[in-house]
Structure formats: structure tokens, C-alpha cells
Amino acid sequence: MLWLLFSVGGLVIFGIFPATIALFTVLKKIKDGEEFSVLRVFWYAVKKNIIKGNILGYVVMLLGALLFVDILFFEMLEQTL
């Protein structure tokens, strides 16, 4: 629920990547068996990773889009040969 709330709160464009990083931070702490406040850890992780998370997220999205375009190009090229 926090991930969805923070993603929408960041207008999806600026919120989805930091919220995802914060989600995985909370999940890691749960896996390690630590006692903590979920909201406090989630909020801290969002604030800490907002710029780095958005930069990394959009770079990965750009690379994925380039790979997708390459695949479409080579499929089209294969059909013309």
C-alpha cells in the first residue's frame, strides 16, 4: 500500500522508482528479521533515494526502450531479406 501511495503521490513519473527502492529496503529488513517502523524506514528510504532512484530508473527504462527498438528493427530487417 505504501508503494502505491508514494508512487501516485509522486505523480507516478517521479515517484515509482524511489518508492520501489524503498519497498525493497523494507523487504530486506523484514527478511533480516529486524524490528522497525515500516512507515519510518520507507519514508527515509524514499527521501534518501529520490534523485539517484529516478536517474537510475530512467536510464534503465531508456536502455530497455533502445533494446525494444533494436528488436523491432531486426525483426523488420529479417522479413525484408
PDB file of N, CA and C in Angstrom:
ATOM      1  N   MET A   1       0.820  -1.193   0.000  1.00  0.00           N
ATOM      2  CA  MET A   1       0.000   0.000   0.000  1.00  0.00           C
ATOM      3  C   MET A   1       0.867   1.261   0.000  1.00  0.00           C
ATOM      4  N   LEU A   2       1.968   1.226   0.771  1.00  0.00           N
ATOM      5  CA  LEU A   2       2.856   2.390   0.796  1.00  0.00           C
ATOM      6  C   LEU A   2       3.466   2.644  -0.583  1.00  0.00           C
ATOM      7  N   TRP A   3       3.844   1.561  -1.256  1.00  0.00           N
ATOM      8  CA  TRP A   3       4.443   1.713  -2.581  1.00  0.00           C
ATOM      9  C   TRP A   3       3.463   2.403  -3.524  1.00  0.00           C
ATOM     10  N   LEU A   4       2.228   1.951  -3.522  1.00  0.00           N
ATOM     11  CA  LEU A   4       1.207   2.541  -4.382  1.00  0.00           C
ATOM     12  C   LEU A   4       0.945   3.998  -3.995  1.00  0.00           C
ATOM     13  N   LEU A   5       0.834   4.273  -2.717  1.00  0.00           N
ATOM     14  CA  LEU A   5       0.578   5.621  -2.238  1.00  0.00           C
ATOM     15  C   LEU A   5       1.705   6.578  -2.624  1.00  0.00           C
ATOM     16  N   PHE A   6       2.952   6.168  -2.430  1.00  0.00           N
ATOM     17  CA  PHE A   6       4.078   7.041  -2.750  1.00  0.00           C
ATOM     18  C   PHE A   6       4.291   7.163  -4.258  1.00  0.00           C
ATOM     19  N   SER A   7       3.984   6.124  -5.017  1.00  0.00           N
ATOM     20  CA  SER A   7       4.088   6.212  -6.479  1.00  0.00           C
ATOM     21  C   SER A   7       3.085   7.212  -7.023  1.00  0.00           C
ATOM     22  N   VAL A   8       1.847   7.118  -6.563  1.00  0.00           N
ATOM     23  CA  VAL A   8       0.807   8.048  -7.010  1.00  0.00           C
ATOM     24  C   VAL A   8       1.085   9.435  -6.456  1.00  0.00           C
ATOM     25  N   GLY A   9       1.551   9.505  -5.223  1.00  0.00           N
ATOM     26  CA  GLY A   9       1.874  10.794  -4.607  1.00  0.00           C
ATOM     27  C   GLY A   9       2.984  11.524  -5.337  1.00  0.00           C
ATOM     28  N   GLY A  10       3.890  10.780  -5.953  1.00  0.00           N
ATOM     29  CA  GLY A  10       4.955  11.381  -6.743  1.00  0.00           C
ATOM     30  C   GLY A  10       4.559  11.565  -8.195  1.00  0.00           C
ATOM     31  N   LEU A  11       3.262  11.534  -8.446  1.00  0.00           N
ATOM     32  CA  LEU A  11       2.707  11.678  -9.796  1.00  0.00           C
ATOM     33  C   LEU A  11       3.240  10.604 -10.736  1.00  0.00           C
ATOM     34  N   VAL A  12       3.481   9.430 -10.207  1.00  0.00           N
ATOM     35  CA  VAL A  12       3.987   8.241 -10.890  1.00  0.00           C
ATOM     36  C   VAL A  12       5.315   8.522 -11.575  1.00  0.00           C
ATOM     37  N   ILE A  13       5.422   9.608 -12.310  1.00  0.00           N
ATOM     38  CA  ILE A  13       6.636   9.915 -13.058  1.00  0.00           C
ATOM     39  C   ILE A  13       7.848  10.068 -12.133  1.00  0.00           C
ATOM     40  N   PHE A  14       7.671  10.743 -11.020  1.00  0.00           N
ATOM     41  CA  PHE A  14       8.791  10.986 -10.110  1.00  0.00           C
ATOM     42  C   PHE A  14       8.755  10.109  -8.875  1.00  0.00           C
ATOM     43  N   GLY A  15       7.753   9.272  -8.732  1.00  0.00           N
ATOM     44  CA  GLY A  15       7.604   8.523  -7.502  1.00  0.00           C
ATOM     45  C   GLY A  15       7.817   7.028  -7.590  1.00  0.00           C
ATOM     46  N   ILE A  16       7.696   6.453  -8.775  1.00  0.00           N
ATOM     47  CA  ILE A  16       7.693   4.995  -8.869  1.00  0.00           C
ATOM     48  C   ILE A  16       9.053   4.383  -8.549  1.00  0.00           C
ATOM     49  N   PHE A  17      10.128   4.986  -9.007  1.00  0.00           N
ATOM     50  CA  PHE A  17      11.447   4.393  -8.779  1.00  0.00           C
ATOM     51  C   PHE A  17      11.907   4.536  -7.333  1.00  0.00           C
ATOM     52  N   PRO A  18      11.810   5.714  -6.702  1.00  0.00           N
ATOM     53  CA  PRO A  18      12.177   5.788  -5.281  1.00  0.00           C
ATOM     54  C   PRO A  18      11.270   4.928  -4.392  1.00  0.00           C
ATOM     55  N   ALA A  19       9.990   4.834  -4.738  1.00  0.00           N
ATOM     56  CA  ALA A  19       9.078   4.002  -3.949  1.00  0.00           C
ATOM     57  C   ALA A  19       9.446   2.523  -4.077  1.00  0.00           C
ATOM     58  N   THR A  20       9.888   2.112  -5.247  1.00  0.00           N
ATOM     59  CA  THR A  20      10.297   0.726  -5.446  1.00  0.00           C
ATOM     60  C   THR A  20      11.562   0.423  -4.654  1.00  0.00           C
ATOM     61  N   ILE A  21      12.516   1.345  -4.656  1.00  0.00           N
ATOM     62  CA  ILE A  21      13.735   1.163  -3.861  1.00  0.00           C
ATOM     63  C   ILE A  21      13.376   1.068  -2.379  1.00  0.00           C
ATOM     64  N   ALA A  22      12.475   1.932  -1.913  1.00  0.00           N
ATOM     65  CA  ALA A  22      12.063   1.904  -0.514  1.00  0.00           C
ATOM     66  C   ALA A  22      11.351   0.591  -0.180  1.00  0.00           C
ATOM     67  N   LEU A  23      10.545   0.088  -1.095  1.00  0.00           N
ATOM     68  CA  LEU A  23       9.862  -1.186  -0.885  1.00  0.00           C
ATOM     69  C   LEU A  23      10.871  -2.301  -0.677  1.00  0.00           C
ATOM     70  N   PHE A  24      11.890  -2.354  -1.518  1.00  0.00           N
ATOM     71  CA  PHE A  24      12.900  -3.396  -1.374  1.00  0.00           C
ATOM     72  C   PHE A  24      13.750  -3.206  -0.123  1.00  0.00           C
ATOM     73  N   THR A  25      13.936  -1.964   0.320  1.00  0.00           N
ATOM     74  CA  THR A  25      14.633  -1.712   1.579  1.00  0.00           C
ATOM     75  C   THR A  25      13.850  -2.293   2.746  1.00  0.00           C
ATOM     76  N   VAL A  26      12.547  -2.059   2.755  1.00  0.00           N
ATOM     77  CA  VAL A  26      11.689  -2.599   3.817  1.00  0.00           C
ATOM     78  C   VAL A  26      11.665  -4.127   3.761  1.00  0.00           C
ATOM     79  N   LEU A  27      11.550  -4.691   2.571  1.00  0.00           N
ATOM     80  CA  LEU A  27      11.530  -6.149   2.442  1.00  0.00           C
ATOM     81  C   LEU A  27      12.827  -6.784   2.925  1.00  0.00           C
ATOM     82  N   LYS A  28      13.957  -6.125   2.669  1.00  0.00           N
ATOM     83  CA  LYS A  28      15.249  -6.636   3.132  1.00  0.00           C
ATOM     84  C   LYS A  28      15.309  -6.632   4.651  1.00  0.00           C
ATOM     85  N   LYS A  29      14.815  -5.572   5.270  1.00  0.00           N
ATOM     86  CA  LYS A  29      14.803  -5.506   6.738  1.00  0.00           C
ATOM     87  C   LYS A  29      13.874  -6.565   7.329  1.00  0.00           C
ATOM     88  N   ILE A  30      12.757  -6.833   6.670  1.00  0.00           N
ATOM     89  CA  ILE A  30      11.859  -7.884   7.133  1.00  0.00           C
ATOM     90  C   ILE A  30      12.544  -9.239   7.023  1.00  0.00           C
ATOM     91  N   LYS A  31      13.219  -9.469   5.895  1.00  0.00           N
ATOM     92  CA  LYS A  31      13.922 -10.734   5.677  1.00  0.00           C
ATOM     93  C   LYS A  31      15.014 -10.944   6.717  1.00  0.00           C
ATOM     94  N   ASP A  32      15.696  -9.858   7.100  1.00  0.00           N
ATOM     95  CA  ASP A  32      16.765  -9.955   8.095  1.00  0.00           C
ATOM     96  C   ASP A  32      16.227 -10.093   9.512  1.00  0.00           C
ATOM     97  N   GLY A  33      14.920  -9.964   9.692  1.00  0.00           N
ATOM     98  CA  GLY A  33      14.293 -10.148  10.988  1.00  0.00           C
ATOM     99  C   GLY A  33      14.445  -8.967  11.933  1.00  0.00           C
ATOM    100  N   GLU A  34      14.668  -7.787  11.406  1.00  0.00           N
ATOM    101  CA  GLU A  34      14.846  -6.602  12.243  1.00  0.00           C
ATOM    102  C   GLU A  34      13.499  -6.068  12.710  1.00  0.00           C
ATOM    103  N   GLU A  35      13.490  -5.453  13.877  1.00  0.00           N
ATOM    104  CA  GLU A  35      12.317  -4.752  14.401  1.00  0.00           C
ATOM    105  C   GLU A  35      12.426  -3.290  13.989  1.00  0.00           C
ATOM    106  N   PHE A  36      11.397  -2.751  13.352  1.00  0.00           N
ATOM    107  CA  PHE A  36      11.454  -1.377  12.871  1.00  0.00           C
ATOM    108  C   PHE A  36      10.057  -0.880  12.561  1.00  0.00           C
ATOM    109  N   SER A  37       9.948   0.433  12.388  1.00  0.00           N
ATOM    110  CA  SER A  37       8.703   1.047  11.956  1.00  0.00           C
ATOM    111  C   SER A  37       8.705   1.087  10.428  1.00  0.00           C
ATOM    112  N   VAL A  38       7.755   0.408   9.816  1.00  0.00           N
ATOM    113  CA  VAL A  38       7.723   0.295   8.356  1.00  0.00           C
ATOM    114  C   VAL A  38       7.605   1.671   7.713  1.00  0.00           C
ATOM    115  N   LEU A  39       6.701   2.486   8.211  1.00  0.00           N
ATOM    116  CA  LEU A  39       6.497   3.807   7.624  1.00  0.00           C
ATOM    117  C   LEU A  39       7.759   4.667   7.737  1.00  0.00           C
ATOM    118  N   ARG A  40       8.407   4.641   8.883  1.00  0.00           N
ATOM    119  CA  ARG A  40       9.611   5.455   9.090  1.00  0.00           C
ATOM    120  C   ARG A  40      10.743   5.016   8.156  1.00  0.00           C
ATOM    121  N   VAL A  41      10.975   3.714   8.041  1.00  0.00           N
ATOM    122  CA  VAL A  41      12.030   3.202   7.158  1.00  0.00           C
ATOM    123  C   VAL A  41      11.686   3.490   5.705  1.00  0.00           C
ATOM    124  N   PHE A  42      10.425   3.301   5.335  1.00  0.00           N
ATOM    125  CA  PHE A  42      10.000   3.547   3.954  1.00  0.00           C
ATOM    126  C   PHE A  42      10.201   5.023   3.600  1.00  0.00           C
ATOM    127  N   TRP A  43       9.758   5.921   4.463  1.00  0.00           N
ATOM    128  CA  TRP A  43       9.876   7.352   4.210  1.00  0.00           C
ATOM    129  C   TRP A  43      11.342   7.774   4.109  1.00  0.00           C
ATOM    130  N   TYR A  44      12.187   7.274   5.005  1.00  0.00           N
ATOM    131  CA  TYR A  44      13.614   7.598   4.970  1.00  0.00           C
ATOM    132  C   TYR A  44      14.245   7.109   3.665  1.00  0.00           C
ATOM    133  N   ALA A  45      13.902   5.897   3.237  1.00  0.00           N
ATOM    134  CA  ALA A  45      14.466   5.344   2.005  1.00  0.00           C
ATOM    135  C   ALA A  45      14.011   6.135   0.781  1.00  0.00           C
ATOM    136  N   VAL A  46      12.767   6.594   0.777  1.00  0.00           N
ATOM    137  CA  VAL A  46      12.284   7.414  -0.344  1.00  0.00           C
ATOM    138  C   VAL A  46      13.053   8.725  -0.394  1.00  0.00           C
ATOM    139  N   LYS A  47      13.170   9.390   0.750  1.00  0.00           N
ATOM    140  CA  LYS A  47      13.883  10.678   0.780  1.00  0.00           C
ATOM    141  C   LYS A  47      15.351  10.515   0.377  1.00  0.00           C
ATOM    142  N   LYS A  48      15.975   9.442   0.843  1.00  0.00           N
ATOM    143  CA  LYS A  48      17.400   9.225   0.574  1.00  0.00           C
ATOM    144  C   LYS A  48      17.653   8.915  -0.906  1.00  0.00           C
ATOM    145  N   ASN A  49      16.730   8.242  -1.558  1.00  0.00           N
ATOM    146  CA  ASN A  49      16.970   7.733  -2.914  1.00  0.00           C
ATOM    147  C   ASN A  49      16.168   8.424  -3.999  1.00  0.00           C
ATOM    148  N   ILE A  50      15.580   9.568  -3.724  1.00  0.00           N
ATOM    149  CA  ILE A  50      14.686  10.171  -4.713  1.00  0.00           C
ATOM    150  C   ILE A  50      15.433  10.592  -5.990  1.00  0.00           C
ATOM    151  N   ILE A  51      16.594  11.180  -5.853  1.00  0.00           N
ATOM    152  CA  ILE A  51      17.318  11.636  -7.055  1.00  0.00           C
ATOM    153  C   ILE A  51      18.030  10.464  -7.718  1.00  0.00           C
ATOM    154  N   LYS A  52      18.783   9.688  -6.948  1.00  0.00           N
ATOM    155  CA  LYS A  52      19.503   8.544  -7.516  1.00  0.00           C
ATOM    156  C   LYS A  52      18.528   7.528  -8.106  1.00  0.00           C
ATOM    157  N   GLY A  53      17.429   7.306  -7.424  1.00  0.00           N
ATOM    158  CA  GLY A  53      16.443   6.338  -7.904  1.00  0.00           C
ATOM    159  C   GLY A  53      15.826   6.742  -9.225  1.00  0.00           C
ATOM    160  N   ASN A  54      15.480   8.017  -9.351  1.00  0.00           N
ATOM    161  CA  ASN A  54      14.902   8.482 -10.613  1.00  0.00           C
ATOM    162  C   ASN A  54      15.918   8.439 -11.744  1.00  0.00           C
ATOM    163  N   ILE A  55      17.153   8.843 -11.471  1.00  0.00           N
ATOM    164  CA  ILE A  55      18.183   8.800 -12.523  1.00  0.00           C
ATOM    165  C   ILE A  55      18.405   7.365 -12.983  1.00  0.00           C
ATOM    166  N   LEU A  56      18.629   6.467 -12.029  1.00  0.00           N
ATOM    167  CA  LEU A  56      18.865   5.066 -12.384  1.00  0.00           C
ATOM    168  C   LEU A  56      17.647   4.459 -13.076  1.00  0.00           C
ATOM    169  N   GLY A  57      16.469   4.745 -12.580  1.00  0.00           N
ATOM    170  CA  GLY A  57      15.254   4.191 -13.176  1.00  0.00           C
ATOM    171  C   GLY A  57      15.057   4.627 -14.615  1.00  0.00           C
ATOM    172  N   TYR A  58      15.273   5.905 -14.879  1.00  0.00           N
ATOM    173  CA  TYR A  58      15.074   6.384 -16.246  1.00  0.00           C
ATOM    174  C   TYR A  58      16.180   5.933 -17.186  1.00  0.00           C
ATOM    175  N   VAL A  59      17.395   5.738 -16.682  1.00  0.00           N
ATOM    176  CA  VAL A  59      18.465   5.185 -17.516  1.00  0.00           C
ATOM    177  C   VAL A  59      18.124   3.747 -17.899  1.00  0.00           C
ATOM    178  N   VAL A  60      17.658   2.965 -16.936  1.00  0.00           N
ATOM    179  CA  VAL A  60      17.275   1.577 -17.224  1.00  0.00           C
ATOM    180  C   VAL A  60      16.096   1.536 -18.194  1.00  0.00           C
ATOM    181  N   MET A  61      15.122   2.433 -18.015  1.00  0.00           N
ATOM    182  CA  MET A  61      13.989   2.483 -18.952  1.00  0.00           C
ATOM    183  C   MET A  61      14.452   2.858 -20.361  1.00  0.00           C
ATOM    184  N   LEU A  62      15.378   3.801 -20.466  1.00  0.00           N
ATOM    185  CA  LEU A  62      15.901   4.201 -21.773  1.00  0.00           C
ATOM    186  C   LEU A  62      16.624   3.039 -22.445  1.00  0.00           C
ATOM    187  N   LEU A  63      17.449   2.331 -21.689  1.00  0.00           N
ATOM    188  CA  LEU A  63      18.140   1.176 -22.253  1.00  0.00           C
ATOM    189  C   LEU A  63      17.152   0.097 -22.684  1.00  0.00           C
ATOM    190  N   GLY A  64      16.119  -0.134 -21.895  1.00  0.00           N
ATOM    191  CA  GLY A  64      15.095  -1.102 -22.270  1.00  0.00           C
ATOM    192  C   GLY A  64      14.363  -0.697 -23.537  1.00  0.00           C
ATOM    193  N   ALA A  65      14.064   0.597 -23.660  1.00  0.00           N
ATOM    194  CA  ALA A  65      13.392   1.089 -24.869  1.00  0.00           C
ATOM    195  C   ALA A  65      14.301   0.935 -26.092  1.00  0.00           C
ATOM    196  N   LEU A  66      15.583   1.210 -25.923  1.00  0.00           N
ATOM    197  CA  LEU A  66      16.522   1.036 -27.036  1.00  0.00           C
ATOM    198  C   LEU A  66      16.618  -0.428 -27.456  1.00  0.00           C
ATOM    199  N   LEU A  67      16.662  -1.330 -26.503  1.00  0.00           N
ATOM    200  CA  LEU A  67      16.682  -2.757 -26.838  1.00  0.00           C
ATOM    201  C   LEU A  67      15.403  -3.174 -27.556  1.00  0.00           C
ATOM    202  N   PHE A  68      14.272  -2.651 -27.115  1.00  0.00           N
ATOM    203  CA  PHE A  68      13.000  -2.970 -27.756  1.00  0.00           C
ATOM    204  C   PHE A  68      12.981  -2.480 -29.205  1.00  0.00           C
ATOM    205  N   VAL A  69      13.459  -1.268 -29.428  1.00  0.00           N
ATOM    206  CA  VAL A  69      13.510  -0.724 -30.790  1.00  0.00           C
ATOM    207  C   VAL A  69      14.465  -1.543 -31.648  1.00  0.00           C
ATOM    208  N   ASP A  70      15.602  -1.968 -31.076  1.00  0.00           N
ATOM    209  CA  ASP A  70      16.540  -2.818 -31.816  1.00  0.00           C
ATOM    210  C   ASP A  70      15.893  -4.131 -32.224  1.00  0.00           C
ATOM    211  N   ILE A  71      15.157  -4.731 -31.313  1.00  0.00           N
ATOM    212  CA  ILE A  71      14.484  -5.991 -31.632  1.00  0.00           C
ATOM    213  C   ILE A  71      13.474  -5.782 -32.749  1.00  0.00           C
ATOM    214  N   LEU A  72      12.695  -4.720 -32.676  1.00  0.00           N
ATOM    215  CA  LEU A  72      11.737  -4.432 -33.748  1.00  0.00           C
ATOM    216  C   LEU A  72      12.446  -4.192 -35.077  1.00  0.00           C
ATOM    217  N   PHE A  73      13.563  -3.470 -35.050  1.00  0.00           N
ATOM    218  CA  PHE A  73      14.316  -3.183 -36.265  1.00  0.00           C
ATOM    219  C   PHE A  73      14.831  -4.475 -36.899  1.00  0.00           C
ATOM    220  N   PHE A  74      15.426  -5.348 -36.099  1.00  0.00           N
ATOM    221  CA  PHE A  74      15.982  -6.577 -36.662  1.00  0.00           C
ATOM    222  C   PHE A  74      14.896  -7.539 -37.115  1.00  0.00           C
ATOM    223  N   GLU A  75      13.731  -7.535 -36.471  1.00  0.00           N
ATOM    224  CA  GLU A  75      12.625  -8.338 -36.961  1.00  0.00           C
ATOM    225  C   GLU A  75      12.148  -7.824 -38.321  1.00  0.00           C
ATOM    226  N   MET A  76      12.092  -6.505 -38.478  1.00  0.00           N
ATOM    227  CA  MET A  76      11.683  -5.915 -39.743  1.00  0.00           C
ATOM    228  C   MET A  76      12.735  -6.210 -40.820  1.00  0.00           C
ATOM    229  N   LEU A  77      14.005  -6.119 -40.457  1.00  0.00           N
ATOM    230  CA  LEU A  77      15.084  -6.364 -41.407  1.00  0.00           C
ATOM    231  C   LEU A  77      15.083  -7.812 -41.869  1.00  0.00           C
ATOM    232  N   GLU A  78      14.806  -8.728 -40.951  1.00  0.00           N
ATOM    233  CA  GLU A  78      14.774 -10.154 -41.286  1.00  0.00           C
ATOM    234  C   GLU A  78      13.641 -10.463 -42.256  1.00  0.00           C
ATOM    235  N   GLN A  79      12.523  -9.767 -42.143  1.00  0.00           N
ATOM    236  CA  GLN A  79      11.393 -10.017 -43.034  1.00  0.00           C
ATOM    237  C   GLN A  79      11.660  -9.497 -44.443  1.00  0.00           C
ATOM    238  N   THR A  80      12.450  -8.431 -44.573  1.00  0.00           N
ATOM    239  CA  THR A  80      12.720  -7.875 -45.894  1.00  0.00           C
ATOM    240  C   THR A  80      13.774  -8.678 -46.646  1.00  0.00           C
ATOM    241  N   LEU A  81      14.601  -9.429 -45.950  1.00  0.00           N
ATOM    242  CA  LEU A  81      15.609 -10.257 -46.607  1.00  0.00           C
ATOM    243  C   LEU A  81      14.944 -11.506 -47.131  1.00  0.00           C
TER     244      LEU A  81
END
